[in-house]
Amino acid sequence: MTTLVVIAKETIPGKVKTRLHPPLSLEQAADVAAAAVQDTLDVARRLPATRRVLLFDGNRRPVGSEDFDVIPQIGGDLDARLGALFDEVDGKTVLIGMDTPQVTVEALRPVFAEWTDDVDAWFGPANDGGFWALGLARPTGDLLRGVPMSRDDTGAHQLRRLADAGLTVRKLPELVDVDTIDDARLVAAAAPGSRFASALRDAESADENATTHTTTTNGVTRTTDPATEGVTS
């Protein structure tokens, strides 16, 4: 029996994925974030979890989470919020974030197929030095509270905390965590058929169309870019 938790926040412009602005607008960044949540929830629903939980910060829960139990995030720093979650759940529990929408069922399958009694924890490293997944056989918030979050050494600190507790840890594949526009493009390339990739393509296409204007006069095509005032024919 395994509980699967997705941590997410309401995708309000100016509150999520603000590092994608620019080049995206705040509204486009929120649309991309919403697509990331949808992709992550889709994968969560396809895994054989005995309980699915949305650890949520916001008022309007995302579409697709109707069959998830909702646990509101408490106030405070991320380590405190994650600690509160792992204090509240019982039994084997794995937490994943909304920032790796390229995650697949196959990436998480070992947690559900190979979580034997000799495995105390699962750890999914992220390319930015953090982590995208954390599973605990015997959940306790003390394993997270005080770990410095949102740093390039967060993952190293968390692994050290698990090791200091004498836990046996198995690792999951490293994934790209979407922070910047370059990260977003890497993730979209890795999962081209995802909602995330589609939302990013739409946003970048809209930006490109908004910054160029094409006219044809007497058989001559003129493309004007306000940034360069270039003309081609």
C-alpha atoms as a PDB file:
ATOM      1  CA  MET A   1       0.000   0.000   0.000  1.00  0.00           C
ATOM      2  CA  THR A   2       1.535   3.269  -1.155  1.00  0.00           C
ATOM      3  CA  THR A   3       0.306   6.864  -0.988  1.00  0.00           C
ATOM      4  CA  LEU A   4       1.245   9.149  -3.869  1.00  0.00           C
ATOM      5  CA  VAL A   5       1.298  12.897  -3.189  1.00  0.00           C
ATOM      6  CA  VAL A   6       1.507  15.665  -5.797  1.00  0.00           C
ATOM      7  CA  ILE A   7       2.490  19.079  -4.447  1.00  0.00           C
ATOM      8  CA  ALA A   8       1.090  21.994  -6.452  1.00  0.00           C
ATOM      9  CA  LYS A   9      -0.097  25.561  -6.180  1.00  0.00           C
ATOM     10  CA  GLU A  10      -2.939  27.375  -7.872  1.00  0.00           C
ATOM     11  CA  THR A  11      -1.699  28.640 -11.217  1.00  0.00           C
ATOM     12  CA  ILE A  12      -2.351  32.369 -10.825  1.00  0.00           C
ATOM     13  CA  PRO A  13      -0.475  34.783 -13.152  1.00  0.00           C
ATOM     14  CA  GLY A  14       2.311  36.455 -11.239  1.00  0.00           C
ATOM     15  CA  LYS A  15       2.356  33.696  -8.604  1.00  0.00           C
ATOM     16  CA  VAL A  16       3.721  30.723 -10.535  1.00  0.00           C
ATOM     17  CA  LYS A  17       6.661  30.207 -12.876  1.00  0.00           C
ATOM     18  CA  THR A  18       7.576  33.885 -12.751  1.00  0.00           C
ATOM     19  CA  ARG A  19      11.115  33.070 -13.909  1.00  0.00           C
ATOM     20  CA  LEU A  20       9.647  32.258 -17.329  1.00  0.00           C
ATOM     21  CA  HIS A  21       8.798  35.975 -17.610  1.00  0.00           C
ATOM     22  CA  PRO A  22      10.305  37.221 -19.850  1.00  0.00           C
ATOM     23  CA  PRO A  23      10.148  35.940 -22.554  1.00  0.00           C
ATOM     24  CA  LEU A  24       6.693  34.652 -21.634  1.00  0.00           C
ATOM     25  CA  SER A  25       4.049  36.924 -20.203  1.00  0.00           C
ATOM     26  CA  LEU A  26       2.881  36.201 -16.676  1.00  0.00           C
ATOM     27  CA  GLU A  27      -0.382  34.865 -18.101  1.00  0.00           C
ATOM     28  CA  GLN A  28       1.471  32.547 -20.483  1.00  0.00           C
ATOM     29  CA  ALA A  29       3.717  31.347 -17.666  1.00  0.00           C
ATOM     30  CA  ALA A  30       0.624  30.497 -15.627  1.00  0.00           C
ATOM     31  CA  ASP A  31      -0.848  28.593 -18.587  1.00  0.00           C
ATOM     32  CA  VAL A  32       2.380  26.601 -18.918  1.00  0.00           C
ATOM     33  CA  ALA A  33       2.320  25.863 -15.178  1.00  0.00           C
ATOM     34  CA  ALA A  34      -1.293  24.692 -15.388  1.00  0.00           C
ATOM     35  CA  ALA A  35      -0.336  22.316 -18.205  1.00  0.00           C
ATOM     36  CA  ALA A  36       2.518  20.981 -16.065  1.00  0.00           C
ATOM     37  CA  VAL A  37       0.080  20.221 -13.249  1.00  0.00           C
ATOM     38  CA  GLN A  38      -2.269  18.440 -15.663  1.00  0.00           C
ATOM     39  CA  ASP A  39       0.516  16.256 -17.054  1.00  0.00           C
ATOM     40  CA  THR A  40       1.720  15.358 -13.564  1.00  0.00           C
ATOM     41  CA  LEU A  41      -1.781  14.468 -12.361  1.00  0.00           C
ATOM     42  CA  ASP A  42      -2.289  12.286 -15.449  1.00  0.00           C
ATOM     43  CA  VAL A  43       0.774  10.236 -14.565  1.00  0.00           C
ATOM     44  CA  ALA A  44      -0.272  10.047 -10.910  1.00  0.00           C
ATOM     45  CA  ARG A  45      -3.654   8.622 -11.879  1.00  0.00           C
ATOM     46  CA  ARG A  46      -1.992   5.891 -13.949  1.00  0.00           C
ATOM     47  CA  LEU A  47       0.162   4.614 -11.107  1.00  0.00           C
ATOM     48  CA  PRO A  48      -1.145   1.870  -8.764  1.00  0.00           C
ATOM     49  CA  ALA A  49      -1.262   4.031  -5.641  1.00  0.00           C
ATOM     50  CA  THR A  50      -3.694   3.041  -2.909  1.00  0.00           C
ATOM     51  CA  ARG A  51      -4.247   6.716  -2.067  1.00  0.00           C
ATOM     52  CA  ARG A  52      -3.694   9.856  -4.137  1.00  0.00           C
ATOM     53  CA  VAL A  53      -3.219  13.192  -2.407  1.00  0.00           C
ATOM     54  CA  LEU A  54      -2.929  16.752  -3.693  1.00  0.00           C
ATOM     55  CA  LEU A  55      -0.826  18.865  -1.342  1.00  0.00           C
ATOM     56  CA  PHE A  56      -2.316  22.154  -2.449  1.00  0.00           C
ATOM     57  CA  ASP A  57      -1.710  25.860  -2.031  1.00  0.00           C
ATOM     58  CA  GLY A  58      -4.706  27.763  -3.366  1.00  0.00           C
ATOM     59  CA  ASN A  59      -8.473  27.941  -3.544  1.00  0.00           C
ATOM     60  CA  ARG A  60      -9.447  26.424  -6.886  1.00  0.00           C
ATOM     61  CA  ARG A  61      -8.117  22.901  -7.200  1.00  0.00           C
ATOM     62  CA  PRO A  62      -6.879  21.930 -10.675  1.00  0.00           C
ATOM     63  CA  VAL A  63      -8.985  20.018 -13.166  1.00  0.00           C
ATOM     64  CA  GLY A  64      -8.105  16.343 -12.991  1.00  0.00           C
ATOM     65  CA  SER A  65      -7.621  16.271  -9.232  1.00  0.00           C
ATOM     66  CA  GLU A  66     -11.246  15.458  -8.409  1.00  0.00           C
ATOM     67  CA  ASP A  67     -10.390  11.944  -7.221  1.00  0.00           C
ATOM     68  CA  PHE A  68      -7.451  13.117  -5.085  1.00  0.00           C
ATOM     69  CA  ASP A  69      -7.671  13.783  -1.368  1.00  0.00           C
ATOM     70  CA  VAL A  70      -6.648  17.378  -0.724  1.00  0.00           C
ATOM     71  CA  ILE A  71      -4.296  18.377   2.079  1.00  0.00           C
ATOM     72  CA  PRO A  72      -3.848  22.161   2.293  1.00  0.00           C
ATOM     73  CA  GLN A  73      -0.284  23.386   2.552  1.00  0.00           C
ATOM     74  CA  ILE A  74       0.504  25.077   5.837  1.00  0.00           C
ATOM     75  CA  GLY A  75       2.249  28.443   5.967  1.00  0.00           C
ATOM     76  CA  GLY A  76       5.977  28.774   6.260  1.00  0.00           C
ATOM     77  CA  ASP A  77       9.002  27.694   4.287  1.00  0.00           C
ATOM     78  CA  LEU A  78       8.969  24.661   2.010  1.00  0.00           C
ATOM     79  CA  ASP A  79      10.778  22.418   4.500  1.00  0.00           C
ATOM     80  CA  ALA A  80       8.050  23.120   7.064  1.00  0.00           C
ATOM     81  CA  ARG A  81       5.276  22.470   4.537  1.00  0.00           C
ATOM     82  CA  LEU A  82       6.789  19.174   3.446  1.00  0.00           C
ATOM     83  CA  GLY A  83       7.477  18.225   7.043  1.00  0.00           C
ATOM     84  CA  ALA A  84       3.824  18.793   7.929  1.00  0.00           C
ATOM     85  CA  LEU A  85       2.759  16.519   5.074  1.00  0.00           C
ATOM     86  CA  PHE A  86       5.004  13.659   6.147  1.00  0.00           C
ATOM     87  CA  ASP A  87       3.745  14.018   9.706  1.00  0.00           C
ATOM     88  CA  GLU A  88       0.141  13.671   8.522  1.00  0.00           C
ATOM     89  CA  VAL A  89       0.387  10.632   6.222  1.00  0.00           C
ATOM     90  CA  ASP A  90       0.832   7.012   7.254  1.00  0.00           C
ATOM     91  CA  GLY A  91       2.689   4.160   5.638  1.00  0.00           C
ATOM     92  CA  LYS A  92       4.760   4.195   2.477  1.00  0.00           C
ATOM     93  CA  THR A  93       4.408   7.627   0.874  1.00  0.00           C
ATOM     94  CA  VAL A  94       6.061   9.181  -2.166  1.00  0.00           C
ATOM     95  CA  LEU A  95       5.900  12.900  -2.957  1.00  0.00           C
ATOM     96  CA  ILE A  96       6.398  14.364  -6.429  1.00  0.00           C
ATOM     97  CA  GLY A  97       6.307  17.962  -7.625  1.00  0.00           C
ATOM     98  CA  MET A  98       4.544  19.828 -10.435  1.00  0.00           C
ATOM     99  CA  ASP A  99       7.793  21.108 -11.971  1.00  0.00           C
ATOM    100  CA  THR A 100       8.773  17.916 -13.833  1.00  0.00           C
ATOM    101  CA  PRO A 101       5.838  17.342 -16.210  1.00  0.00           C
ATOM    102  CA  GLN A 102       7.984  15.032 -18.331  1.00  0.00           C
ATOM    103  CA  VAL A 103       7.798  12.435 -15.557  1.00  0.00           C
ATOM    104  CA  THR A 104       6.545   9.059 -16.735  1.00  0.00           C
ATOM    105  CA  VAL A 105       4.914   6.020 -15.219  1.00  0.00           C
ATOM    106  CA  GLU A 106       8.102   4.125 -16.021  1.00  0.00           C
ATOM    107  CA  ALA A 107      10.235   6.569 -14.011  1.00  0.00           C
ATOM    108  CA  LEU A 108       8.135   5.932 -10.901  1.00  0.00           C
ATOM    109  CA  ARG A 109       7.364   2.266 -11.481  1.00  0.00           C
ATOM    110  CA  PRO A 110      10.188   1.015  -9.196  1.00  0.00           C
ATOM    111  CA  VAL A 111       8.551   2.758  -6.228  1.00  0.00           C
ATOM    112  CA  PHE A 112       5.412   0.696  -6.701  1.00  0.00           C
ATOM    113  CA  ALA A 113       6.994  -2.546  -7.929  1.00  0.00           C
ATOM    114  CA  GLU A 114      10.229  -2.745  -5.942  1.00  0.00           C
ATOM    115  CA  TRP A 115       9.570  -1.076  -2.576  1.00  0.00           C
ATOM    116  CA  THR A 116      10.665  -3.966  -0.400  1.00  0.00           C
ATOM    117  CA  ASP A 117      11.066  -3.907   3.359  1.00  0.00           C
ATOM    118  CA  ASP A 118      14.796  -3.258   3.081  1.00  0.00           C
ATOM    119  CA  VAL A 119      14.225   0.070   1.263  1.00  0.00           C
ATOM    120  CA  ASP A 120      13.591   2.982   3.631  1.00  0.00           C
ATOM    121  CA  ALA A 121      13.457   5.834   1.143  1.00  0.00           C
ATOM    122  CA  TRP A 122      13.372   6.798  -2.522  1.00  0.00           C
ATOM    123  CA  PHE A 123      15.074   9.907  -3.887  1.00  0.00           C
ATOM    124  CA  GLY A 124      14.606  11.491  -7.320  1.00  0.00           C
ATOM    125  CA  PRO A 125      17.341  14.081  -8.001  1.00  0.00           C
ATOM    126  CA  ALA A 126      16.708  17.153 -10.130  1.00  0.00           C
ATOM    127  CA  ASN A 127      19.241  18.745 -12.455  1.00  0.00           C
ATOM    128  CA  ASP A 128      19.286  21.972 -10.446  1.00  0.00           C
ATOM    129  CA  GLY A 129      20.577  20.258  -7.320  1.00  0.00           C
ATOM    130  CA  GLY A 130      17.169  19.758  -5.724  1.00  0.00           C
ATOM    131  CA  PHE A 131      14.865  16.776  -5.906  1.00  0.00           C
ATOM    132  CA  TRP A 132      11.644  15.973  -7.737  1.00  0.00           C
ATOM    133  CA  ALA A 133      10.599  12.912  -5.732  1.00  0.00           C
ATOM    134  CA  LEU A 134      10.958  11.732  -2.151  1.00  0.00           C
ATOM    135  CA  GLY A 135       9.510   8.535  -0.744  1.00  0.00           C
ATOM    136  CA  LEU A 136       9.565   7.448   2.892  1.00  0.00           C
ATOM    137  CA  ALA A 137       8.567   4.043   4.228  1.00  0.00           C
ATOM    138  CA  ARG A 138       7.990   5.481   7.703  1.00  0.00           C
ATOM    139  CA  PRO A 139       7.043   9.110   7.140  1.00  0.00           C
ATOM    140  CA  THR A 140       8.173  11.728   9.621  1.00  0.00           C
ATOM    141  CA  GLY A 141       8.534  15.434   9.073  1.00  0.00           C
ATOM    142  CA  ASP A 142      11.743  15.544  11.088  1.00  0.00           C
ATOM    143  CA  LEU A 143      13.531  14.149   8.034  1.00  0.00           C
ATOM    144  CA  LEU A 144      12.732  17.369   6.124  1.00  0.00           C
ATOM    145  CA  ARG A 145      12.406  20.218   8.595  1.00  0.00           C
ATOM    146  CA  GLY A 146      15.562  22.302   8.613  1.00  0.00           C
ATOM    147  CA  VAL A 147      16.777  21.129   5.201  1.00  0.00           C
ATOM    148  CA  PRO A 148      17.604  24.274   3.158  1.00  0.00           C
ATOM    149  CA  MET A 149      15.279  24.334   0.161  1.00  0.00           C
ATOM    150  CA  SER A 150      15.458  25.906  -3.314  1.00  0.00           C
ATOM    151  CA  ARG A 151      19.250  25.816  -3.431  1.00  0.00           C
ATOM    152  CA  ASP A 152      21.722  24.014  -5.658  1.00  0.00           C
ATOM    153  CA  ASP A 153      22.739  21.850  -2.697  1.00  0.00           C
ATOM    154  CA  THR A 154      19.237  21.032  -1.422  1.00  0.00           C
ATOM    155  CA  GLY A 155      19.408  17.479  -2.715  1.00  0.00           C
ATOM    156  CA  ALA A 156      22.782  16.877  -1.085  1.00  0.00           C
ATOM    157  CA  HIS A 157      21.466  18.167   2.250  1.00  0.00           C
ATOM    158  CA  GLN A 158      18.361  15.977   2.011  1.00  0.00           C
ATOM    159  CA  LEU A 159      20.355  12.864   1.153  1.00  0.00           C
ATOM    160  CA  ARG A 160      22.682  13.576   4.080  1.00  0.00           C
ATOM    161  CA  ARG A 161      19.691  13.877   6.380  1.00  0.00           C
ATOM    162  CA  LEU A 162      18.423  10.472   5.228  1.00  0.00           C
ATOM    163  CA  ALA A 163      21.862   8.913   5.593  1.00  0.00           C
ATOM    164  CA  ASP A 164      22.341  10.364   9.061  1.00  0.00           C
ATOM    165  CA  ALA A 165      19.054   8.703  10.047  1.00  0.00           C
ATOM    166  CA  GLY A 166      20.504   5.369   8.956  1.00  0.00           C
ATOM    167  CA  LEU A 167      18.055   4.944   6.079  1.00  0.00           C
ATOM    168  CA  THR A 168      18.626   2.790   3.017  1.00  0.00           C
ATOM    169  CA  VAL A 169      17.932   4.964  -0.025  1.00  0.00           C
ATOM    170  CA  ARG A 170      17.268   3.998  -3.624  1.00  0.00           C
ATOM    171  CA  LYS A 171      17.511   6.594  -6.365  1.00  0.00           C
ATOM    172  CA  LEU A 172      15.170   7.385  -9.234  1.00  0.00           C
ATOM    173  CA  PRO A 173      16.292   8.925 -12.552  1.00  0.00           C
ATOM    174  CA  GLU A 174      17.421  12.540 -12.597  1.00  0.00           C
ATOM    175  CA  LEU A 175      14.901  14.896 -14.218  1.00  0.00           C
ATOM    176  CA  VAL A 176      15.051  18.490 -15.415  1.00  0.00           C
ATOM    177  CA  ASP A 177      13.151  20.799 -13.073  1.00  0.00           C
ATOM    178  CA  VAL A 178      11.422  23.677 -14.884  1.00  0.00           C
ATOM    179  CA  ASP A 179      12.747  26.953 -13.509  1.00  0.00           C
ATOM    180  CA  THR A 180      13.901  28.914 -16.551  1.00  0.00           C
ATOM    181  CA  ILE A 181      12.811  29.138 -20.180  1.00  0.00           C
ATOM    182  CA  ASP A 182      15.784  26.966 -21.170  1.00  0.00           C
ATOM    183  CA  ASP A 183      14.616  24.302 -18.719  1.00  0.00           C
ATOM    184  CA  ALA A 184      11.108  24.543 -20.160  1.00  0.00           C
ATOM    185  CA  ARG A 185      12.378  23.989 -23.684  1.00  0.00           C
ATOM    186  CA  LEU A 186      14.412  20.954 -22.603  1.00  0.00           C
ATOM    187  CA  VAL A 187      11.372  19.434 -20.902  1.00  0.00           C
ATOM    188  CA  ALA A 188       9.135  20.148 -23.892  1.00  0.00           C
ATOM    189  CA  ALA A 189      11.652  18.446 -26.164  1.00  0.00           C
ATOM    190  CA  ALA A 190      11.743  15.421 -23.864  1.00  0.00           C
ATOM    191  CA  ALA A 191       7.927  15.159 -23.839  1.00  0.00           C
ATOM    192  CA  PRO A 192       6.784  16.684 -27.156  1.00  0.00           C
ATOM    193  CA  GLY A 193       3.288  15.220 -26.937  1.00  0.00           C
ATOM    194  CA  SER A 194       2.568  16.603 -23.472  1.00  0.00           C
ATOM    195  CA  ARG A 195       0.178  19.387 -22.547  1.00  0.00           C
ATOM    196  CA  PHE A 196       3.210  21.244 -21.242  1.00  0.00           C
ATOM    197  CA  ALA A 197       4.975  21.135 -24.603  1.00  0.00           C
ATOM    198  CA  SER A 198       1.818  22.254 -26.394  1.00  0.00           C
ATOM    199  CA  ALA A 199       1.284  25.168 -23.997  1.00  0.00           C
ATOM    200  CA  LEU A 200       4.897  26.284 -24.376  1.00  0.00           C
ATOM    201  CA  ARG A 201       4.712  26.080 -28.182  1.00  0.00           C
ATOM    202  CA  ASP A 202       1.508  28.124 -28.166  1.00  0.00           C
ATOM    203  CA  ALA A 203       3.049  30.756 -25.897  1.00  0.00           C
ATOM    204  CA  GLU A 204       6.248  31.104 -27.879  1.00  0.00           C
ATOM    205  CA  SER A 205       4.361  31.127 -31.178  1.00  0.00           C
ATOM    206  CA  ALA A 206       2.104  33.903 -29.897  1.00  0.00           C
ATOM    207  CA  ASP A 207       5.141  35.907 -28.820  1.00  0.00           C
ATOM    208  CA  GLU A 208       6.764  35.493 -32.223  1.00  0.00           C
ATOM    209  CA  ASN A 209       3.605  36.534 -34.051  1.00  0.00           C
ATOM    210  CA  ALA A 210       3.179  39.529 -31.783  1.00  0.00           C
ATOM    211  CA  THR A 211       6.651  40.877 -32.557  1.00  0.00           C
ATOM    212  CA  THR A 212       6.576  40.560 -36.363  1.00  0.00           C
ATOM    213  CA  HIS A 213       4.282  41.944 -39.024  1.00  0.00           C
ATOM    214  CA  THR A 214       4.272  40.743 -42.624  1.00  0.00           C
ATOM    215  CA  THR A 215       2.748  42.563 -45.615  1.00  0.00           C
ATOM    216  CA  THR A 216       2.879  41.973 -49.366  1.00  0.00           C
ATOM    217  CA  THR A 217       2.738  44.909 -51.781  1.00  0.00           C
ATOM    218  CA  ASN A 218       3.257  44.601 -55.556  1.00  0.00           C
ATOM    219  CA  GLY A 219       4.691  41.142 -55.073  1.00  0.00           C
ATOM    220  CA  VAL A 220       7.199  42.265 -52.461  1.00  0.00           C
ATOM    221  CA  THR A 221       6.965  40.711 -48.978  1.00  0.00           C
ATOM    222  CA  ARG A 222       8.012  42.948 -46.125  1.00  0.00           C
ATOM    223  CA  THR A 223       8.521  41.513 -42.631  1.00  0.00           C
ATOM    224  CA  THR A 224       8.944  44.132 -39.940  1.00  0.00           C
ATOM    225  CA  ASP A 225      10.318  43.292 -36.499  1.00  0.00           C
ATOM    226  CA  PRO A 226       9.886  46.191 -34.029  1.00  0.00           C
ATOM    227  CA  ALA A 227      13.059  45.112 -32.276  1.00  0.00           C
ATOM    228  CA  THR A 228      15.228  45.458 -35.381  1.00  0.00           C
ATOM    229  CA  GLU A 229      13.081  47.245 -37.955  1.00  0.00           C
ATOM    230  CA  GLY A 230      14.498  44.760 -40.457  1.00  0.00           C
ATOM    231  CA  VAL A 231      13.011  44.408 -43.955  1.00  0.00           C
ATOM    232  CA  THR A 232      13.328  41.364 -46.191  1.00  0.00           C
ATOM    233  CA  SER A 233      12.104  40.905 -49.729  1.00  0.00           C
END
